[in-house]
């Protein structure tokens, strides 16, 4: 039983998501990558290649056409449909 608790206690938890990418904390790395890609008008995922996985995923999210908002997994489309 102690081994199970020990193993479970060491696994990363994903508190939030950023356009489908799991965040281990507050998604700030994802947001930074997204904003950088937006500011630099990045349109190729090959440009999203740094040592930071979360930054890269945020950058890739911009290239893929996602929004910068944490918790966003395509829900914007549903909200637009409700407004019609």
PDB file of N, CA and C in Angstrom:
ATOM      1  N   UNK A   1       0.833  -1.193   0.000  1.00  0.00           N
ATOM      2  CA  UNK A   1       0.000   0.000   0.000  1.00  0.00           C
ATOM      3  C   UNK A   1       0.875   1.253   0.000  1.00  0.00           C
ATOM      4  N   UNK A   2       1.946   1.259   0.792  1.00  0.00           N
ATOM      5  CA  UNK A   2       2.831   2.422   0.851  1.00  0.00           C
ATOM      6  C   UNK A   2       3.490   2.676  -0.493  1.00  0.00           C
ATOM      7  N   UNK A   3       3.809   1.621  -1.238  1.00  0.00           N
ATOM      8  CA  UNK A   3       4.406   1.769  -2.552  1.00  0.00           C
ATOM      9  C   UNK A   3       3.435   2.454  -3.506  1.00  0.00           C
ATOM     10  N   UNK A   4       2.174   2.075  -3.461  1.00  0.00           N
ATOM     11  CA  UNK A   4       1.163   2.679  -4.308  1.00  0.00           C
ATOM     12  C   UNK A   4       1.026   4.169  -4.018  1.00  0.00           C
ATOM     13  N   UNK A   5       0.979   4.525  -2.760  1.00  0.00           N
ATOM     14  CA  UNK A   5       0.896   5.932  -2.377  1.00  0.00           C
ATOM     15  C   UNK A   5       2.139   6.675  -2.840  1.00  0.00           C
ATOM     16  N   UNK A   6       3.286   6.060  -2.697  1.00  0.00           N
ATOM     17  CA  UNK A   6       4.537   6.686  -3.114  1.00  0.00           C
ATOM     18  C   UNK A   6       4.555   6.928  -4.610  1.00  0.00           C
ATOM     19  N   UNK A   7       4.122   5.967  -5.389  1.00  0.00           N
ATOM     20  CA  UNK A   7       4.112   6.109  -6.845  1.00  0.00           C
ATOM     21  C   UNK A   7       3.112   7.171  -7.265  1.00  0.00           C
ATOM     22  N   UNK A   8       1.929   7.132  -6.712  1.00  0.00           N
ATOM     23  CA  UNK A   8       0.909   8.108  -7.064  1.00  0.00           C
ATOM     24  C   UNK A   8       1.307   9.516  -6.637  1.00  0.00           C
ATOM     25  N   UNK A   9       1.992   9.640  -5.542  1.00  0.00           N
ATOM     26  CA  UNK A   9       2.408  10.944  -5.056  1.00  0.00           C
ATOM     27  C   UNK A   9       3.469  11.594  -5.924  1.00  0.00           C
ATOM     28  N   UNK A  10       4.195  10.836  -6.704  1.00  0.00           N
ATOM     29  CA  UNK A  10       5.248  11.381  -7.547  1.00  0.00           C
ATOM     30  C   UNK A  10       4.810  11.652  -8.980  1.00  0.00           C
ATOM     31  N   UNK A  11       3.587  11.325  -9.328  1.00  0.00           N
ATOM     32  CA  UNK A  11       3.145  11.551 -10.700  1.00  0.00           C
ATOM     33  C   UNK A  11       2.725  12.999 -10.885  1.00  0.00           C
ATOM     34  N   UNK A  12       3.032  13.586 -12.050  1.00  0.00           N
ATOM     35  CA  UNK A  12       2.644  14.976 -12.280  1.00  0.00           C
ATOM     36  C   UNK A  12       1.133  15.087 -12.398  1.00  0.00           C
ATOM     37  N   UNK A  13       0.601  16.167 -11.903  1.00  0.00           N
ATOM     38  CA  UNK A  13      -0.818  16.416 -12.055  1.00  0.00           C
ATOM     39  C   UNK A  13      -0.999  17.594 -13.000  1.00  0.00           C
ATOM     40  N   UNK A  14      -2.002  17.508 -13.810  1.00  0.00           N
ATOM     41  CA  UNK A  14      -2.267  18.573 -14.761  1.00  0.00           C
ATOM     42  C   UNK A  14      -3.434  19.396 -14.248  1.00  0.00           C
ATOM     43  N   UNK A  15      -3.120  20.557 -13.686  1.00  0.00           N
ATOM     44  CA  UNK A  15      -4.133  21.400 -13.084  1.00  0.00           C
ATOM     45  C   UNK A  15      -5.018  22.048 -14.139  1.00  0.00           C
ATOM     46  N   UNK A  16      -4.444  22.419 -15.244  1.00  0.00           N
ATOM     47  CA  UNK A  16      -5.150  23.135 -16.289  1.00  0.00           C
ATOM     48  C   UNK A  16      -4.739  22.575 -17.640  1.00  0.00           C
ATOM     49  N   UNK A  17      -5.445  23.017 -18.666  1.00  0.00           N
ATOM     50  CA  UNK A  17      -5.018  22.713 -20.025  1.00  0.00           C
ATOM     51  C   UNK A  17      -4.931  24.005 -20.809  1.00  0.00           C
ATOM     52  N   UNK A  18      -4.151  23.968 -21.850  1.00  0.00           N
ATOM     53  CA  UNK A  18      -3.999  25.117 -22.736  1.00  0.00           C
ATOM     54  C   UNK A  18      -4.201  24.593 -24.146  1.00  0.00           C
ATOM     55  N   UNK A  19      -5.387  24.812 -24.693  1.00  0.00           N
ATOM     56  CA  UNK A  19      -5.735  24.324 -26.032  1.00  0.00           C
ATOM     57  C   UNK A  19      -5.427  22.842 -26.181  1.00  0.00           C
ATOM     58  N   UNK A  20      -5.738  22.078 -25.154  1.00  0.00           N
ATOM     59  CA  UNK A  20      -5.555  20.644 -25.204  1.00  0.00           C
ATOM     60  C   UNK A  20      -4.216  20.153 -24.689  1.00  0.00           C
ATOM     61  N   UNK A  21      -3.270  21.045 -24.451  1.00  0.00           N
ATOM     62  CA  UNK A  21      -1.972  20.668 -23.900  1.00  0.00           C
ATOM     63  C   UNK A  21      -2.051  20.750 -22.381  1.00  0.00           C
ATOM     64  N   UNK A  22      -1.591  19.718 -21.693  1.00  0.00           N
ATOM     65  CA  UNK A  22      -1.628  19.700 -20.237  1.00  0.00           C
ATOM     66  C   UNK A  22      -0.615  20.648 -19.632  1.00  0.00           C
ATOM     67  N   UNK A  23      -1.040  21.371 -18.614  1.00  0.00           N
ATOM     68  CA  UNK A  23      -0.158  22.273 -17.870  1.00  0.00           C
ATOM     69  C   UNK A  23       0.133  21.636 -16.515  1.00  0.00           C
ATOM     70  N   UNK A  24       1.357  21.715 -16.067  1.00  0.00           N
ATOM     71  CA  UNK A  24       1.690  21.174 -14.756  1.00  0.00           C
ATOM     72  C   UNK A  24       1.523  22.218 -13.660  1.00  0.00           C
ATOM     73  N   UNK A  25       1.360  23.476 -14.016  1.00  0.00           N
ATOM     74  CA  UNK A  25       1.214  24.529 -13.008  1.00  0.00           C
ATOM     75  C   UNK A  25       0.139  25.514 -13.443  1.00  0.00           C
ATOM     76  N   UNK A  26       0.543  26.655 -13.942  1.00  0.00           N
ATOM     77  CA  UNK A  26      -0.418  27.713 -14.250  1.00  0.00           C
ATOM     78  C   UNK A  26      -0.511  28.071 -15.728  1.00  0.00           C
ATOM     79  N   UNK A  27       0.075  27.288 -16.588  1.00  0.00           N
ATOM     80  CA  UNK A  27       0.034  27.486 -18.046  1.00  0.00           C
ATOM     81  C   UNK A  27       0.808  28.724 -18.509  1.00  0.00           C
ATOM     82  N   UNK A  28       1.617  29.314 -17.636  1.00  0.00           N
ATOM     83  CA  UNK A  28       2.327  30.536 -18.027  1.00  0.00           C
ATOM     84  C   UNK A  28       3.333  30.276 -19.146  1.00  0.00           C
ATOM     85  N   UNK A  29       3.969  29.115 -19.168  1.00  0.00           N
ATOM     86  CA  UNK A  29       4.895  28.791 -20.249  1.00  0.00           C
ATOM     87  C   UNK A  29       4.173  28.678 -21.583  1.00  0.00           C
ATOM     88  N   UNK A  30       3.001  28.054 -21.563  1.00  0.00           N
ATOM     89  CA  UNK A  30       2.197  27.937 -22.771  1.00  0.00           C
ATOM     90  C   UNK A  30       1.761  29.317 -23.261  1.00  0.00           C
ATOM     91  N   UNK A  31       1.320  30.141 -22.319  1.00  0.00           N
ATOM     92  CA  UNK A  31       0.866  31.484 -22.686  1.00  0.00           C
ATOM     93  C   UNK A  31       2.018  32.290 -23.273  1.00  0.00           C
ATOM     94  N   UNK A  32       3.202  32.178 -22.687  1.00  0.00           N
ATOM     95  CA  UNK A  32       4.365  32.913 -23.197  1.00  0.00           C
ATOM     96  C   UNK A  32       4.710  32.475 -24.617  1.00  0.00           C
ATOM     97  N   UNK A  33       4.671  31.170 -24.872  1.00  0.00           N
ATOM     98  CA  UNK A  33       4.956  30.666 -26.213  1.00  0.00           C
ATOM     99  C   UNK A  33       3.926  31.128 -27.220  1.00  0.00           C
ATOM    100  N   UNK A  34       2.663  31.111 -26.813  1.00  0.00           N
ATOM    101  CA  UNK A  34       1.584  31.562 -27.696  1.00  0.00           C
ATOM    102  C   UNK A  34       1.755  33.044 -28.034  1.00  0.00           C
ATOM    103  N   UNK A  35       1.981  33.859 -26.996  1.00  0.00           N
ATOM    104  CA  UNK A  35       2.127  35.301 -27.216  1.00  0.00           C
ATOM    105  C   UNK A  35       3.347  35.618 -28.061  1.00  0.00           C
ATOM    106  N   UNK A  36       4.451  34.894 -27.845  1.00  0.00           N
ATOM    107  CA  UNK A  36       5.654  35.097 -28.653  1.00  0.00           C
ATOM    108  C   UNK A  36       5.365  34.793 -30.119  1.00  0.00           C
ATOM    109  N   UNK A  37       4.687  33.683 -30.373  1.00  0.00           N
ATOM    110  CA  UNK A  37       4.360  33.303 -31.746  1.00  0.00           C
ATOM    111  C   UNK A  37       3.438  34.331 -32.390  1.00  0.00           C
ATOM    112  N   UNK A  38       2.495  34.824 -31.617  1.00  0.00           N
ATOM    113  CA  UNK A  38       1.563  35.829 -32.133  1.00  0.00           C
ATOM    114  C   UNK A  38       2.300  37.121 -32.474  1.00  0.00           C
ATOM    115  N   UNK A  39       3.130  37.590 -31.547  1.00  0.00           N
ATOM    116  CA  UNK A  39       3.877  38.838 -31.758  1.00  0.00           C
ATOM    117  C   UNK A  39       4.842  38.750 -32.938  1.00  0.00           C
ATOM    118  N   UNK A  40       5.380  37.559 -33.185  1.00  0.00           N
ATOM    119  CA  UNK A  40       6.354  37.366 -34.252  1.00  0.00           C
ATOM    120  C   UNK A  40       5.742  36.760 -35.513  1.00  0.00           C
ATOM    121  N   UNK A  41       4.409  36.666 -35.530  1.00  0.00           N
ATOM    122  CA  UNK A  41       3.661  36.158 -36.679  1.00  0.00           C
ATOM    123  C   UNK A  41       4.213  34.820 -37.178  1.00  0.00           C
ATOM    124  N   UNK A  42       4.428  33.899 -36.240  1.00  0.00           N
ATOM    125  CA  UNK A  42       4.960  32.575 -36.559  1.00  0.00           C
ATOM    126  C   UNK A  42       3.868  31.758 -37.247  1.00  0.00           C
ATOM    127  N   UNK A  43       4.202  31.117 -38.356  1.00  0.00           N
ATOM    128  CA  UNK A  43       3.219  30.297 -39.056  1.00  0.00           C
ATOM    129  C   UNK A  43       3.742  28.898 -39.377  1.00  0.00           C
ATOM    130  N   UNK A  44       4.864  28.521 -38.753  1.00  0.00           N
ATOM    131  CA  UNK A  44       5.476  27.220 -38.988  1.00  0.00           C
ATOM    132  C   UNK A  44       5.876  26.614 -37.648  1.00  0.00           C
ATOM    133  N   UNK A  45       5.377  25.412 -37.361  1.00  0.00           N
ATOM    134  CA  UNK A  45       5.692  24.763 -36.084  1.00  0.00           C
ATOM    135  C   UNK A  45       7.184  24.519 -35.922  1.00  0.00           C
ATOM    136  N   UNK A  46       7.932  24.492 -37.001  1.00  0.00           N
ATOM    137  CA  UNK A  46       9.377  24.315 -36.923  1.00  0.00           C
ATOM    138  C   UNK A  46      10.061  25.452 -36.192  1.00  0.00           C
ATOM    139  N   UNK A  47       9.393  26.590 -36.110  1.00  0.00           N
ATOM    140  CA  UNK A  47       9.930  27.742 -35.376  1.00  0.00           C
ATOM    141  C   UNK A  47       9.693  27.626 -33.879  1.00  0.00           C
ATOM    142  N   UNK A  48       8.897  26.650 -33.478  1.00  0.00           N
ATOM    143  CA  UNK A  48       8.547  26.440 -32.073  1.00  0.00           C
ATOM    144  C   UNK A  48       9.472  25.388 -31.476  1.00  0.00           C
ATOM    145  N   UNK A  49      10.754  25.655 -31.489  1.00  0.00           N
ATOM    146  CA  UNK A  49      11.729  24.653 -31.067  1.00  0.00           C
ATOM    147  C   UNK A  49      12.693  25.266 -30.059  1.00  0.00           C
ATOM    148  N   UNK A  50      12.303  25.202 -28.786  1.00  0.00           N
ATOM    149  CA  UNK A  50      13.158  25.699 -27.714  1.00  0.00           C
ATOM    150  C   UNK A  50      13.363  24.563 -26.723  1.00  0.00           C
ATOM    151  N   UNK A  51      14.064  24.829 -25.651  1.00  0.00           N
ATOM    152  CA  UNK A  51      14.265  23.815 -24.612  1.00  0.00           C
ATOM    153  C   UNK A  51      13.051  23.679 -23.694  1.00  0.00           C
ATOM    154  N   UNK A  52      12.071  24.563 -23.824  1.00  0.00           N
ATOM    155  CA  UNK A  52      10.891  24.535 -22.965  1.00  0.00           C
ATOM    156  C   UNK A  52       9.717  23.883 -23.690  1.00  0.00           C
ATOM    157  N   UNK A  53       9.292  22.722 -23.190  1.00  0.00           N
ATOM    158  CA  UNK A  53       8.173  22.028 -23.814  1.00  0.00           C
ATOM    159  C   UNK A  53       6.902  22.861 -23.766  1.00  0.00           C
ATOM    160  N   UNK A  54       6.629  23.512 -22.636  1.00  0.00           N
ATOM    161  CA  UNK A  54       5.398  24.284 -22.520  1.00  0.00           C
ATOM    162  C   UNK A  54       5.414  25.490 -23.460  1.00  0.00           C
ATOM    163  N   UNK A  55       6.563  26.147 -23.593  1.00  0.00           N
ATOM    164  CA  UNK A  55       6.686  27.272 -24.523  1.00  0.00           C
ATOM    165  C   UNK A  55       6.422  26.787 -25.946  1.00  0.00           C
ATOM    166  N   UNK A  56       7.025  25.658 -26.302  1.00  0.00           N
ATOM    167  CA  UNK A  56       6.843  25.094 -27.641  1.00  0.00           C
ATOM    168  C   UNK A  56       5.385  24.757 -27.903  1.00  0.00           C
ATOM    169  N   UNK A  57       4.713  24.175 -26.913  1.00  0.00           N
ATOM    170  CA  UNK A  57       3.307  23.822 -27.087  1.00  0.00           C
ATOM    171  C   UNK A  57       2.435  25.064 -27.238  1.00  0.00           C
ATOM    172  N   UNK A  58       2.743  26.123 -26.507  1.00  0.00           N
ATOM    173  CA  UNK A  58       2.012  27.372 -26.677  1.00  0.00           C
ATOM    174  C   UNK A  58       2.217  27.949 -28.060  1.00  0.00           C
ATOM    175  N   UNK A  59       3.445  27.911 -28.536  1.00  0.00           N
ATOM    176  CA  UNK A  59       3.768  28.372 -29.881  1.00  0.00           C
ATOM    177  C   UNK A  59       3.022  27.532 -30.922  1.00  0.00           C
ATOM    178  N   UNK A  60       3.054  26.223 -30.752  1.00  0.00           N
ATOM    179  CA  UNK A  60       2.358  25.325 -31.677  1.00  0.00           C
ATOM    180  C   UNK A  60       0.861  25.585 -31.656  1.00  0.00           C
ATOM    181  N   UNK A  61       0.331  25.902 -30.497  1.00  0.00           N
ATOM    182  CA  UNK A  61      -1.086  26.211 -30.378  1.00  0.00           C
ATOM    183  C   UNK A  61      -1.451  27.413 -31.240  1.00  0.00           C
ATOM    184  N   UNK A  62      -0.602  28.434 -31.236  1.00  0.00           N
ATOM    185  CA  UNK A  62      -0.865  29.602 -32.074  1.00  0.00           C
ATOM    186  C   UNK A  62      -0.847  29.210 -33.548  1.00  0.00           C
ATOM    187  N   UNK A  63       0.170  28.454 -33.948  1.00  0.00           N
ATOM    188  CA  UNK A  63       0.297  28.033 -35.342  1.00  0.00           C
ATOM    189  C   UNK A  63      -0.930  27.218 -35.768  1.00  0.00           C
ATOM    190  N   UNK A  64      -1.449  26.400 -34.851  1.00  0.00           N
ATOM    191  CA  UNK A  64      -2.607  25.559 -35.137  1.00  0.00           C
ATOM    192  C   UNK A  64      -3.923  26.340 -35.126  1.00  0.00           C
ATOM    193  N   UNK A  65      -3.878  27.608 -34.746  1.00  0.00           N
ATOM    194  CA  UNK A  65      -5.077  28.433 -34.751  1.00  0.00           C
ATOM    195  C   UNK A  65      -5.858  28.435 -33.453  1.00  0.00           C
ATOM    196  N   UNK A  66      -5.229  28.018 -32.356  1.00  0.00           N
ATOM    197  CA  UNK A  66      -5.902  28.014 -31.059  1.00  0.00           C
ATOM    198  C   UNK A  66      -5.991  29.417 -30.478  1.00  0.00           C
ATOM    199  N   UNK A  67      -6.630  29.518 -29.330  1.00  0.00           N
ATOM    200  CA  UNK A  67      -6.696  30.797 -28.626  1.00  0.00           C
ATOM    201  C   UNK A  67      -5.726  30.747 -27.457  1.00  0.00           C
ATOM    202  N   UNK A  68      -5.383  31.879 -26.881  1.00  0.00           N
ATOM    203  CA  UNK A  68      -4.386  31.900 -25.805  1.00  0.00           C
ATOM    204  C   UNK A  68      -4.970  31.560 -24.447  1.00  0.00           C
ATOM    205  N   UNK A  69      -6.258  31.471 -24.334  1.00  0.00           N
ATOM    206  CA  UNK A  69      -6.904  31.293 -23.045  1.00  0.00           C
ATOM    207  C   UNK A  69      -6.673  29.913 -22.447  1.00  0.00           C
ATOM    208  N   UNK A  70      -6.236  29.842 -21.182  1.00  0.00           N
ATOM    209  CA  UNK A  70      -6.155  28.541 -20.516  1.00  0.00           C
ATOM    210  C   UNK A  70      -7.537  27.908 -20.460  1.00  0.00           C
ATOM    211  N   UNK A  71      -7.602  26.626 -20.350  1.00  0.00           N
ATOM    212  CA  UNK A  71      -8.836  25.848 -20.276  1.00  0.00           C
ATOM    213  C   UNK A  71      -9.538  25.766 -21.613  1.00  0.00           C
ATOM    214  N   UNK A  72      -8.960  26.293 -22.680  1.00  0.00           N
ATOM    215  CA  UNK A  72      -9.616  26.350 -23.970  1.00  0.00           C
ATOM    216  C   UNK A  72      -9.326  25.091 -24.772  1.00  0.00           C
ATOM    217  N   UNK A  73     -10.350  24.326 -25.032  1.00  0.00           N
ATOM    218  CA  UNK A  73     -10.217  23.121 -25.849  1.00  0.00           C
ATOM    219  C   UNK A  73     -11.238  23.149 -26.981  1.00  0.00           C
ATOM    220  N   UNK A  74     -11.449  24.324 -27.565  1.00  0.00           N
ATOM    221  CA  UNK A  74     -12.394  24.428 -28.661  1.00  0.00           C
ATOM    222  C   UNK A  74     -13.769  24.875 -28.214  1.00  0.00           C
ATOM    223  N   UNK A  75     -13.918  25.272 -26.963  1.00  0.00           N
ATOM    224  CA  UNK A  75     -15.220  25.677 -26.448  1.00  0.00           C
ATOM    225  C   UNK A  75     -15.725  26.969 -27.081  1.00  0.00           C
ATOM    226  N   UNK A  76     -14.837  27.766 -27.664  1.00  0.00           N
ATOM    227  CA  UNK A  76     -15.262  29.021 -28.267  1.00  0.00           C
ATOM    228  C   UNK A  76     -16.281  28.784 -29.362  1.00  0.00           C
ATOM    229  N   UNK A  77     -16.121  27.695 -30.122  1.00  0.00           N
ATOM    230  CA  UNK A  77     -17.048  27.400 -31.192  1.00  0.00           C
ATOM    231  C   UNK A  77     -18.435  27.161 -30.627  1.00  0.00           C
ATOM    232  N   UNK A  78     -18.530  26.453 -29.503  1.00  0.00           N
ATOM    233  CA  UNK A  78     -19.815  26.190 -28.881  1.00  0.00           C
ATOM    234  C   UNK A  78     -20.464  27.484 -28.425  1.00  0.00           C
ATOM    235  N   UNK A  79     -19.676  28.400 -27.867  1.00  0.00           N
ATOM    236  CA  UNK A  79     -20.223  29.672 -27.406  1.00  0.00           C
ATOM    237  C   UNK A  79     -20.744  30.477 -28.572  1.00  0.00           C
ATOM    238  N   UNK A  80     -20.048  30.480 -29.722  1.00  0.00           N
ATOM    239  CA  UNK A  80     -20.502  31.208 -30.884  1.00  0.00           C
ATOM    240  C   UNK A  80     -21.830  30.668 -31.388  1.00  0.00           C
ATOM    241  N   UNK A  81     -21.980  29.350 -31.341  1.00  0.00           N
ATOM    242  CA  UNK A  81     -23.236  28.731 -31.796  1.00  0.00           C
ATOM    243  C   UNK A  81     -24.385  29.155 -30.904  1.00  0.00           C
ATOM    244  N   UNK A  82     -24.154  29.321 -29.609  1.00  0.00           N
ATOM    245  CA  UNK A  82     -25.217  29.709 -28.687  1.00  0.00           C
ATOM    246  C   UNK A  82     -25.683  31.130 -28.946  1.00  0.00           C
ATOM    247  N   UNK A  83     -24.819  31.970 -29.500  1.00  0.00           N
ATOM    248  CA  UNK A  83     -25.167  33.366 -29.717  1.00  0.00           C
ATOM    249  C   UNK A  83     -26.022  33.570 -30.941  1.00  0.00           C
ATOM    250  N   UNK A  84     -26.110  32.592 -31.825  1.00  0.00           N
ATOM    251  CA  UNK A  84     -26.872  32.745 -33.075  1.00  0.00           C
ATOM    252  C   UNK A  84     -28.339  32.742 -32.853  1.00  0.00           C
TER     253      UNK A  84
END
